[in-house]
Amino acid sequence: MSDADIRMRISRVEGAQLLQLVDDFRDLVTARDAGDPAVARLTPSPYPEDDDASASFADATRRDLLDRRIADAFVVRAGLAELAADIPLLTQKEALTEHELTISIEDVDAWIRTLAALRLVIASRLDILDVDLEVDVEDDPRYGVYEWLGYRLEVVVQAADSLL
C-alpha cells in the first residue's frame, strides 16, 4: 500500500456480488456478439449517420476495445478475489462487515472503465438511453444494481480525484 492507493469500504458480500458481475461482464464481452445491444453500446461508433464508416471503424477497433475491457475486468477481479473468498462459509455478520479494499493507483483506470461498462450493460438491458430522461424501471431489481454501481463508481472517481 502507498499513499497514492485508493481505499474503499465494502462488505465481503458486496465484493462477492461485484465479482460475479465482473465475471458475467467478462463472459459477455468474450462472446463478442456484435448483435447484442449491450456489446454494441460498449463499442459505439463515432459515425452513427454513416453505415460504411461505422462498419469500417468497428472492424478496425472493436477487437482491441473489447480486449481492453476484458483485461480491465481481470484487474478488477484480481482486486476483489480475496475479499470475495469463502462467502458461503461466512456468518451473516462476517459477510456484511465492511472491509477496506485497496485499489492501486495503477489499477484505478481499469476499475473506472469496468464499473462504467457494467452500468452501460445494465442500462442497455433496462433500455436507459439517457440518464437525464425519466426512467420507469425503478421497480426492476437491476435498476438497484445500476444505481449501486453508480455509487461505487462515484466513490472511486472522487478518491482518484483527491489524489490529483
N, C-alpha and C. Protein backbone atom coordinates (compact mmCIF):
# COMPACT_ATOMS: atom_id res chain seq x y z
N MET A 1 0.83 -1.18 0.00
CA MET A 1 0.00 0.00 0.00
C MET A 1 0.88 1.24 0.00
N SER A 2 0.42 2.25 -0.71
CA SER A 2 1.12 3.53 -0.70
C SER A 2 0.10 4.63 -0.46
N ASP A 3 0.61 5.84 -0.25
CA ASP A 3 -0.29 6.97 -0.05
C ASP A 3 -1.10 7.28 -1.31
N ALA A 4 -0.65 6.76 -2.43
CA ALA A 4 -1.35 7.00 -3.69
C ALA A 4 -2.43 5.96 -3.98
N ASP A 5 -2.56 4.97 -3.09
CA ASP A 5 -3.60 3.97 -3.27
C ASP A 5 -4.96 4.52 -2.85
N ILE A 6 -5.99 3.95 -3.43
CA ILE A 6 -7.37 4.31 -3.08
C ILE A 6 -7.90 3.24 -2.15
N ARG A 7 -8.56 3.68 -1.12
CA ARG A 7 -9.17 2.75 -0.18
C ARG A 7 -10.68 2.94 -0.22
N MET A 8 -11.38 1.83 -0.30
CA MET A 8 -12.84 1.87 -0.39
C MET A 8 -13.39 0.87 0.62
N ARG A 9 -14.36 1.30 1.40
CA ARG A 9 -15.03 0.42 2.35
C ARG A 9 -16.10 -0.36 1.59
N ILE A 10 -16.06 -1.69 1.76
CA ILE A 10 -17.02 -2.55 1.07
C ILE A 10 -17.16 -3.85 1.86
N SER A 11 -18.38 -4.34 1.95
CA SER A 11 -18.58 -5.60 2.67
C SER A 11 -18.14 -6.76 1.79
N ARG A 12 -17.91 -7.89 2.42
CA ARG A 12 -17.46 -9.06 1.66
C ARG A 12 -18.57 -9.53 0.71
N VAL A 13 -19.83 -9.44 1.14
CA VAL A 13 -20.91 -9.88 0.26
C VAL A 13 -21.03 -8.94 -0.95
N GLU A 14 -20.82 -7.64 -0.74
CA GLU A 14 -20.81 -6.72 -1.88
C GLU A 14 -19.66 -7.05 -2.82
N GLY A 15 -18.50 -7.36 -2.25
CA GLY A 15 -17.36 -7.74 -3.07
C GLY A 15 -17.65 -8.98 -3.89
N ALA A 16 -18.31 -9.95 -3.27
CA ALA A 16 -18.66 -11.18 -3.99
C ALA A 16 -19.67 -10.89 -5.10
N GLN A 17 -20.63 -10.03 -4.82
CA GLN A 17 -21.63 -9.70 -5.84
C GLN A 17 -20.98 -8.94 -7.00
N LEU A 18 -20.09 -8.01 -6.67
CA LEU A 18 -19.39 -7.27 -7.72
C LEU A 18 -18.50 -8.21 -8.53
N LEU A 19 -17.86 -9.14 -7.86
CA LEU A 19 -17.04 -10.13 -8.56
C LEU A 19 -17.88 -10.94 -9.55
N GLN A 20 -19.08 -11.33 -9.14
CA GLN A 20 -19.96 -12.08 -10.04
C GLN A 20 -20.37 -11.22 -11.24
N LEU A 21 -20.67 -9.95 -11.01
CA LEU A 21 -21.00 -9.04 -12.11
C LEU A 21 -19.82 -8.92 -13.08
N VAL A 22 -18.62 -8.80 -12.54
CA VAL A 22 -17.43 -8.68 -13.38
C VAL A 22 -17.23 -9.96 -14.19
N ASP A 23 -17.43 -11.12 -13.57
CA ASP A 23 -17.31 -12.39 -14.31
C ASP A 23 -18.36 -12.48 -15.42
N ASP A 24 -19.60 -12.08 -15.11
CA ASP A 24 -20.66 -12.10 -16.13
C ASP A 24 -20.32 -11.13 -17.27
N PHE A 25 -19.79 -9.97 -16.90
CA PHE A 25 -19.39 -8.98 -17.89
C PHE A 25 -18.28 -9.53 -18.79
N ARG A 26 -17.29 -10.15 -18.18
CA ARG A 26 -16.18 -10.73 -18.94
C ARG A 26 -16.71 -11.78 -19.92
N ASP A 27 -17.65 -12.61 -19.46
CA ASP A 27 -18.24 -13.63 -20.35
C ASP A 27 -18.98 -12.97 -21.52
N LEU A 28 -19.72 -11.91 -21.23
CA LEU A 28 -20.46 -11.19 -22.28
C LEU A 28 -19.50 -10.63 -23.32
N VAL A 29 -18.46 -9.98 -22.85
CA VAL A 29 -17.51 -9.35 -23.76
C VAL A 29 -16.70 -10.39 -24.53
N THR A 30 -16.35 -11.48 -23.87
CA THR A 30 -15.60 -12.55 -24.53
C THR A 30 -16.39 -13.16 -25.67
N ALA A 31 -17.72 -13.24 -25.52
CA ALA A 31 -18.57 -13.80 -26.57
C ALA A 31 -18.56 -12.94 -27.84
N ARG A 32 -18.29 -11.64 -27.67
CA ARG A 32 -18.16 -10.71 -28.80
C ARG A 32 -19.35 -10.72 -29.75
N ASP A 33 -20.54 -10.85 -29.20
CA ASP A 33 -21.77 -10.87 -30.01
C ASP A 33 -22.13 -9.44 -30.41
N ALA A 34 -21.71 -9.05 -31.59
CA ALA A 34 -21.95 -7.69 -32.07
C ALA A 34 -23.43 -7.39 -32.20
N GLY A 35 -24.27 -8.42 -32.28
CA GLY A 35 -25.71 -8.21 -32.36
C GLY A 35 -26.35 -7.93 -31.01
N ASP A 36 -25.61 -8.14 -29.93
CA ASP A 36 -26.13 -7.86 -28.59
C ASP A 36 -26.08 -6.35 -28.37
N PRO A 37 -27.22 -5.73 -28.04
CA PRO A 37 -27.24 -4.28 -27.84
C PRO A 37 -26.26 -3.80 -26.77
N ALA A 38 -26.01 -4.62 -25.76
CA ALA A 38 -25.07 -4.23 -24.71
C ALA A 38 -23.64 -4.18 -25.26
N VAL A 39 -23.27 -5.15 -26.07
CA VAL A 39 -21.93 -5.15 -26.67
C VAL A 39 -21.82 -3.98 -27.64
N ALA A 40 -22.87 -3.73 -28.38
CA ALA A 40 -22.86 -2.59 -29.31
C ALA A 40 -22.69 -1.28 -28.54
N ARG A 41 -23.30 -1.19 -27.37
CA ARG A 41 -23.19 0.02 -26.57
C ARG A 41 -21.78 0.18 -26.00
N LEU A 42 -21.09 -0.93 -25.79
CA LEU A 42 -19.71 -0.88 -25.30
C LEU A 42 -18.72 -0.50 -26.39
N THR A 43 -19.16 -0.60 -27.65
CA THR A 43 -18.29 -0.29 -28.78
C THR A 43 -19.01 0.69 -29.71
N PRO A 44 -19.29 1.89 -29.23
CA PRO A 44 -20.08 2.83 -30.03
C PRO A 44 -19.32 3.33 -31.26
N SER A 45 -20.08 3.73 -32.23
CA SER A 45 -19.49 4.26 -33.45
C SER A 45 -19.45 5.78 -33.39
N PRO A 46 -18.34 6.36 -33.82
CA PRO A 46 -18.29 7.82 -33.89
C PRO A 46 -19.00 8.35 -35.14
N TYR A 47 -19.50 7.43 -35.98
CA TYR A 47 -20.15 7.81 -37.24
C TYR A 47 -21.56 7.22 -37.32
N PRO A 48 -22.46 7.59 -36.43
CA PRO A 48 -23.79 6.96 -36.44
C PRO A 48 -24.62 7.23 -37.70
N GLU A 49 -24.27 8.27 -38.43
CA GLU A 49 -25.03 8.60 -39.64
C GLU A 49 -24.45 7.98 -40.90
N ASP A 50 -23.30 7.33 -40.78
CA ASP A 50 -22.61 6.76 -41.94
C ASP A 50 -22.34 5.28 -41.69
N ASP A 51 -23.20 4.43 -42.26
CA ASP A 51 -23.08 2.98 -42.03
C ASP A 51 -21.74 2.41 -42.49
N ASP A 52 -21.25 2.86 -43.63
CA ASP A 52 -19.98 2.34 -44.14
C ASP A 52 -18.82 2.74 -43.23
N ALA A 53 -18.79 3.99 -42.82
CA ALA A 53 -17.72 4.45 -41.93
C ALA A 53 -17.83 3.76 -40.58
N SER A 54 -19.05 3.56 -40.10
CA SER A 54 -19.26 2.87 -38.83
C SER A 54 -18.74 1.44 -38.90
N ALA A 55 -19.07 0.75 -39.98
CA ALA A 55 -18.62 -0.64 -40.14
C ALA A 55 -17.10 -0.71 -40.24
N SER A 56 -16.51 0.20 -40.99
CA SER A 56 -15.06 0.23 -41.14
C SER A 56 -14.39 0.51 -39.79
N PHE A 57 -14.93 1.46 -39.04
CA PHE A 57 -14.37 1.80 -37.73
C PHE A 57 -14.49 0.60 -36.78
N ALA A 58 -15.65 -0.05 -36.78
CA ALA A 58 -15.86 -1.22 -35.91
C ALA A 58 -14.89 -2.34 -36.27
N ASP A 59 -14.71 -2.58 -37.56
CA ASP A 59 -13.76 -3.63 -37.98
C ASP A 59 -12.35 -3.33 -37.49
N ALA A 60 -11.99 -2.06 -37.47
CA ALA A 60 -10.63 -1.68 -37.11
C ALA A 60 -10.40 -1.61 -35.60
N THR A 61 -11.47 -1.38 -34.82
CA THR A 61 -11.26 -1.10 -33.39
C THR A 61 -11.96 -2.04 -32.42
N ARG A 62 -13.02 -2.70 -32.83
CA ARG A 62 -13.84 -3.48 -31.89
C ARG A 62 -13.03 -4.51 -31.12
N ARG A 63 -12.21 -5.27 -31.79
CA ARG A 63 -11.45 -6.33 -31.13
C ARG A 63 -10.53 -5.75 -30.04
N ASP A 64 -9.80 -4.69 -30.37
CA ASP A 64 -8.89 -4.09 -29.38
C ASP A 64 -9.67 -3.50 -28.21
N LEU A 65 -10.77 -2.86 -28.48
CA LEU A 65 -11.57 -2.27 -27.41
C LEU A 65 -12.13 -3.35 -26.48
N LEU A 66 -12.65 -4.41 -27.06
CA LEU A 66 -13.18 -5.49 -26.22
C LEU A 66 -12.07 -6.23 -25.47
N ASP A 67 -10.91 -6.38 -26.10
CA ASP A 67 -9.77 -6.98 -25.40
C ASP A 67 -9.36 -6.14 -24.20
N ARG A 68 -9.38 -4.82 -24.35
CA ARG A 68 -9.04 -3.95 -23.22
C ARG A 68 -10.08 -4.08 -22.12
N ARG A 69 -11.34 -4.19 -22.49
CA ARG A 69 -12.40 -4.35 -21.48
C ARG A 69 -12.22 -5.67 -20.72
N ILE A 70 -11.81 -6.71 -21.41
CA ILE A 70 -11.56 -8.00 -20.75
C ILE A 70 -10.36 -7.87 -19.80
N ALA A 71 -9.30 -7.24 -20.26
CA ALA A 71 -8.12 -7.05 -19.41
C ALA A 71 -8.48 -6.22 -18.17
N ASP A 72 -9.27 -5.17 -18.36
CA ASP A 72 -9.71 -4.35 -17.22
C ASP A 72 -10.52 -5.19 -16.23
N ALA A 73 -11.38 -6.03 -16.75
CA ALA A 73 -12.21 -6.88 -15.88
C ALA A 73 -11.33 -7.82 -15.05
N PHE A 74 -10.27 -8.33 -15.63
CA PHE A 74 -9.35 -9.19 -14.88
C PHE A 74 -8.66 -8.42 -13.75
N VAL A 75 -8.34 -7.15 -13.99
CA VAL A 75 -7.72 -6.32 -12.95
C VAL A 75 -8.69 -6.16 -11.78
N VAL A 76 -9.94 -5.85 -12.08
CA VAL A 76 -10.95 -5.67 -11.03
C VAL A 76 -11.18 -7.00 -10.31
N ARG A 77 -11.27 -8.06 -11.07
CA ARG A 77 -11.48 -9.39 -10.47
C ARG A 77 -10.36 -9.72 -9.49
N ALA A 78 -9.14 -9.46 -9.88
CA ALA A 78 -7.99 -9.74 -9.00
C ALA A 78 -8.07 -8.91 -7.72
N GLY A 79 -8.54 -7.67 -7.84
CA GLY A 79 -8.68 -6.83 -6.67
C GLY A 79 -9.75 -7.29 -5.71
N LEU A 80 -10.74 -7.99 -6.22
CA LEU A 80 -11.88 -8.45 -5.40
C LEU A 80 -11.72 -9.87 -4.89
N ALA A 81 -10.82 -10.63 -5.46
CA ALA A 81 -10.74 -12.07 -5.19
C ALA A 81 -10.63 -12.41 -3.71
N GLU A 82 -9.73 -11.77 -3.01
CA GLU A 82 -9.55 -12.11 -1.60
C GLU A 82 -10.77 -11.70 -0.77
N LEU A 83 -11.31 -10.54 -1.06
CA LEU A 83 -12.48 -10.06 -0.33
C LEU A 83 -13.68 -10.99 -0.51
N ALA A 84 -13.83 -11.55 -1.70
CA ALA A 84 -14.99 -12.37 -2.02
C ALA A 84 -14.79 -13.85 -1.72
N ALA A 85 -13.62 -14.21 -1.22
CA ALA A 85 -13.33 -15.63 -0.97
C ALA A 85 -14.16 -16.18 0.18
N ASP A 86 -14.55 -17.42 0.07
CA ASP A 86 -15.22 -18.17 1.14
C ASP A 86 -16.54 -17.57 1.62
N ILE A 87 -17.24 -16.84 0.77
CA ILE A 87 -18.51 -16.23 1.17
C ILE A 87 -19.50 -17.26 1.72
N PRO A 88 -19.67 -18.43 1.11
CA PRO A 88 -20.65 -19.38 1.66
C PRO A 88 -20.31 -19.87 3.08
N LEU A 89 -19.07 -19.75 3.46
CA LEU A 89 -18.65 -20.24 4.78
C LEU A 89 -18.76 -19.19 5.88
N LEU A 90 -19.09 -17.96 5.51
CA LEU A 90 -19.13 -16.87 6.48
C LEU A 90 -20.49 -16.77 7.17
N THR A 91 -20.46 -16.26 8.38
CA THR A 91 -21.72 -15.93 9.05
C THR A 91 -22.28 -14.68 8.39
N GLN A 92 -23.54 -14.40 8.65
CA GLN A 92 -24.14 -13.21 8.07
C GLN A 92 -23.40 -11.95 8.52
N LYS A 93 -23.04 -11.91 9.77
CA LYS A 93 -22.31 -10.75 10.31
C LYS A 93 -20.97 -10.58 9.61
N GLU A 94 -20.25 -11.68 9.41
CA GLU A 94 -18.95 -11.62 8.72
C GLU A 94 -19.13 -11.16 7.27
N ALA A 95 -20.16 -11.65 6.61
CA ALA A 95 -20.39 -11.29 5.22
C ALA A 95 -20.76 -9.83 5.05
N LEU A 96 -21.44 -9.26 6.04
CA LEU A 96 -21.90 -7.87 5.95
C LEU A 96 -20.93 -6.86 6.55
N THR A 97 -19.91 -7.34 7.23
CA THR A 97 -18.93 -6.43 7.82
C THR A 97 -18.10 -5.80 6.71
N GLU A 98 -17.96 -4.48 6.79
CA GLU A 98 -17.17 -3.78 5.79
C GLU A 98 -15.68 -3.98 6.02
N HIS A 99 -14.97 -4.05 4.92
CA HIS A 99 -13.52 -4.17 4.93
C HIS A 99 -12.96 -3.07 4.05
N GLU A 100 -11.69 -2.80 4.20
CA GLU A 100 -11.06 -1.80 3.37
C GLU A 100 -10.45 -2.48 2.15
N LEU A 101 -10.94 -2.11 1.00
CA LEU A 101 -10.42 -2.61 -0.27
C LEU A 101 -9.43 -1.58 -0.80
N THR A 102 -8.25 -2.02 -1.15
CA THR A 102 -7.23 -1.11 -1.66
C THR A 102 -7.12 -1.28 -3.17
N ILE A 103 -7.19 -0.15 -3.85
CA ILE A 103 -7.03 -0.13 -5.31
C ILE A 103 -5.78 0.69 -5.60
N SER A 104 -4.80 0.06 -6.22
CA SER A 104 -3.57 0.80 -6.53
C SER A 104 -3.86 1.86 -7.58
N ILE A 105 -3.09 2.90 -7.54
CA ILE A 105 -3.28 4.00 -8.49
C ILE A 105 -3.12 3.50 -9.93
N GLU A 106 -2.29 2.47 -10.12
CA GLU A 106 -2.10 1.90 -11.46
C GLU A 106 -3.36 1.19 -11.96
N ASP A 107 -4.21 0.74 -11.03
CA ASP A 107 -5.41 -0.01 -11.40
C ASP A 107 -6.68 0.84 -11.45
N VAL A 108 -6.59 2.09 -11.05
CA VAL A 108 -7.79 2.93 -10.95
C VAL A 108 -8.52 3.05 -12.28
N ASP A 109 -7.80 3.30 -13.35
CA ASP A 109 -8.46 3.45 -14.65
C ASP A 109 -9.23 2.19 -15.05
N ALA A 110 -8.65 1.03 -14.78
CA ALA A 110 -9.33 -0.23 -15.10
C ALA A 110 -10.61 -0.35 -14.28
N TRP A 111 -10.56 0.03 -13.01
CA TRP A 111 -11.75 0.00 -12.16
C TRP A 111 -12.82 0.95 -12.69
N ILE A 112 -12.43 2.16 -13.02
CA ILE A 112 -13.40 3.15 -13.51
C ILE A 112 -14.03 2.67 -14.82
N ARG A 113 -13.20 2.20 -15.75
CA ARG A 113 -13.74 1.73 -17.03
C ARG A 113 -14.67 0.53 -16.84
N THR A 114 -14.31 -0.38 -15.94
CA THR A 114 -15.13 -1.58 -15.74
C THR A 114 -16.45 -1.25 -15.07
N LEU A 115 -16.42 -0.43 -14.02
CA LEU A 115 -17.67 -0.05 -13.35
C LEU A 115 -18.59 0.71 -14.32
N ALA A 116 -18.01 1.61 -15.10
CA ALA A 116 -18.81 2.35 -16.09
C ALA A 116 -19.38 1.40 -17.15
N ALA A 117 -18.58 0.45 -17.59
CA ALA A 117 -19.04 -0.51 -18.61
C ALA A 117 -20.15 -1.40 -18.05
N LEU A 118 -20.02 -1.82 -16.80
CA LEU A 118 -21.09 -2.61 -16.17
C LEU A 118 -22.39 -1.82 -16.17
N ARG A 119 -22.30 -0.54 -15.85
CA ARG A 119 -23.51 0.31 -15.88
C ARG A 119 -24.08 0.42 -17.28
N LEU A 120 -23.22 0.52 -18.28
CA LEU A 120 -23.71 0.59 -19.66
C LEU A 120 -24.45 -0.68 -20.05
N VAL A 121 -23.93 -1.82 -19.64
CA VAL A 121 -24.58 -3.09 -19.95
C VAL A 121 -25.96 -3.15 -19.29
N ILE A 122 -26.03 -2.80 -18.03
CA ILE A 122 -27.32 -2.84 -17.33
C ILE A 122 -28.27 -1.81 -17.92
N ALA A 123 -27.76 -0.62 -18.23
CA ALA A 123 -28.60 0.41 -18.86
C ALA A 123 -29.16 -0.09 -20.18
N SER A 124 -28.34 -0.81 -20.92
CA SER A 124 -28.80 -1.38 -22.19
C SER A 124 -29.93 -2.37 -21.96
N ARG A 125 -29.77 -3.21 -20.95
CA ARG A 125 -30.80 -4.21 -20.64
C ARG A 125 -32.10 -3.56 -20.15
N LEU A 126 -31.97 -2.38 -19.52
CA LEU A 126 -33.15 -1.68 -18.99
C LEU A 126 -33.70 -0.63 -19.97
N ASP A 127 -33.09 -0.51 -21.13
CA ASP A 127 -33.45 0.50 -22.13
C ASP A 127 -33.31 1.92 -21.60
N ILE A 128 -32.29 2.14 -20.76
CA ILE A 128 -31.97 3.50 -20.32
C ILE A 128 -31.00 4.06 -21.34
N LEU A 129 -31.45 5.07 -22.07
CA LEU A 129 -30.63 5.63 -23.12
C LEU A 129 -29.95 6.92 -22.70
N ASP A 130 -30.55 7.63 -21.76
CA ASP A 130 -30.04 8.93 -21.34
C ASP A 130 -30.33 9.07 -19.85
N VAL A 131 -29.31 9.35 -19.06
CA VAL A 131 -29.52 9.44 -17.61
C VAL A 131 -30.39 10.62 -17.22
N ASP A 132 -30.51 11.60 -18.11
CA ASP A 132 -31.34 12.76 -17.81
C ASP A 132 -32.82 12.52 -18.09
N LEU A 133 -33.13 11.45 -18.81
CA LEU A 133 -34.52 11.14 -19.10
C LEU A 133 -35.13 10.40 -17.91
N GLU A 134 -36.37 10.66 -17.66
CA GLU A 134 -37.05 9.93 -16.59
C GLU A 134 -37.23 8.48 -17.03
N VAL A 135 -36.87 7.57 -16.14
CA VAL A 135 -36.97 6.16 -16.47
C VAL A 135 -38.05 5.52 -15.63
N ASP A 136 -38.67 4.51 -16.19
CA ASP A 136 -39.75 3.81 -15.49
C ASP A 136 -39.30 2.39 -15.17
N VAL A 137 -38.15 2.28 -14.51
CA VAL A 137 -37.61 0.97 -14.20
C VAL A 137 -37.21 0.84 -12.73
N GLU A 138 -37.60 1.82 -11.92
CA GLU A 138 -37.18 1.82 -10.52
C GLU A 138 -37.58 0.55 -9.78
N ASP A 139 -38.63 -0.13 -10.22
CA ASP A 139 -39.08 -1.35 -9.56
C ASP A 139 -38.31 -2.60 -10.03
N ASP A 140 -37.55 -2.46 -11.09
CA ASP A 140 -36.75 -3.57 -11.60
C ASP A 140 -35.52 -3.74 -10.72
N PRO A 141 -35.26 -4.93 -10.19
CA PRO A 141 -34.10 -5.12 -9.31
C PRO A 141 -32.77 -4.76 -9.98
N ARG A 142 -32.71 -4.86 -11.27
CA ARG A 142 -31.48 -4.49 -11.98
C ARG A 142 -31.19 -3.01 -11.84
N TYR A 143 -32.25 -2.21 -11.69
CA TYR A 143 -32.06 -0.78 -11.52
C TYR A 143 -31.32 -0.48 -10.21
N GLY A 144 -31.62 -1.24 -9.17
CA GLY A 144 -30.90 -1.08 -7.91
C GLY A 144 -29.43 -1.39 -8.07
N VAL A 145 -29.11 -2.40 -8.85
CA VAL A 145 -27.70 -2.75 -9.12
C VAL A 145 -27.05 -1.62 -9.94
N TYR A 146 -27.78 -1.10 -10.91
CA TYR A 146 -27.30 0.01 -11.73
C TYR A 146 -26.95 1.22 -10.85
N GLU A 147 -27.83 1.54 -9.93
CA GLU A 147 -27.60 2.67 -9.01
C GLU A 147 -26.43 2.38 -8.07
N TRP A 148 -26.35 1.16 -7.54
CA TRP A 148 -25.27 0.78 -6.64
C TRP A 148 -23.93 0.88 -7.35
N LEU A 149 -23.86 0.43 -8.60
CA LEU A 149 -22.63 0.56 -9.38
C LEU A 149 -22.27 2.03 -9.59
N GLY A 150 -23.29 2.86 -9.78
CA GLY A 150 -23.05 4.30 -9.92
C GLY A 150 -22.44 4.89 -8.66
N TYR A 151 -22.93 4.45 -7.52
CA TYR A 151 -22.37 4.89 -6.24
C TYR A 151 -20.92 4.45 -6.12
N ARG A 152 -20.65 3.19 -6.39
CA ARG A 152 -19.28 2.67 -6.29
C ARG A 152 -18.35 3.38 -7.28
N LEU A 153 -18.84 3.65 -8.48
CA LEU A 153 -18.06 4.38 -9.47
C LEU A 153 -17.73 5.78 -8.96
N GLU A 154 -18.72 6.44 -8.39
CA GLU A 154 -18.51 7.78 -7.84
C GLU A 154 -17.47 7.78 -6.72
N VAL A 155 -17.52 6.78 -5.86
CA VAL A 155 -16.54 6.67 -4.77
C VAL A 155 -15.13 6.56 -5.34
N VAL A 156 -14.94 5.72 -6.34
CA VAL A 156 -13.61 5.53 -6.93
C VAL A 156 -13.17 6.81 -7.64
N VAL A 157 -14.04 7.43 -8.40
CA VAL A 157 -13.68 8.65 -9.13
C VAL A 157 -13.30 9.77 -8.15
N GLN A 158 -14.11 9.97 -7.10
CA GLN A 158 -13.80 11.01 -6.13
C GLN A 158 -12.48 10.74 -5.40
N ALA A 159 -12.23 9.50 -5.07
CA ALA A 159 -10.97 9.15 -4.41
C ALA A 159 -9.79 9.41 -5.35
N ALA A 160 -9.95 9.06 -6.61
CA ALA A 160 -8.88 9.29 -7.58
C ALA A 160 -8.65 10.79 -7.77
N ASP A 161 -9.74 11.55 -7.84
CA ASP A 161 -9.62 13.00 -7.98
C ASP A 161 -8.88 13.63 -6.80
N SER A 162 -9.12 13.10 -5.62
CA SER A 162 -8.46 13.66 -4.43
C SER A 162 -6.96 13.43 -4.42
N LEU A 163 -6.49 12.46 -5.21
CA LEU A 163 -5.06 12.18 -5.29
C LEU A 163 -4.36 13.09 -6.29
N LEU A 164 -5.12 13.73 -7.16
CA LEU A 164 -4.50 14.57 -8.21
C LEU A 164 -4.22 15.96 -7.72
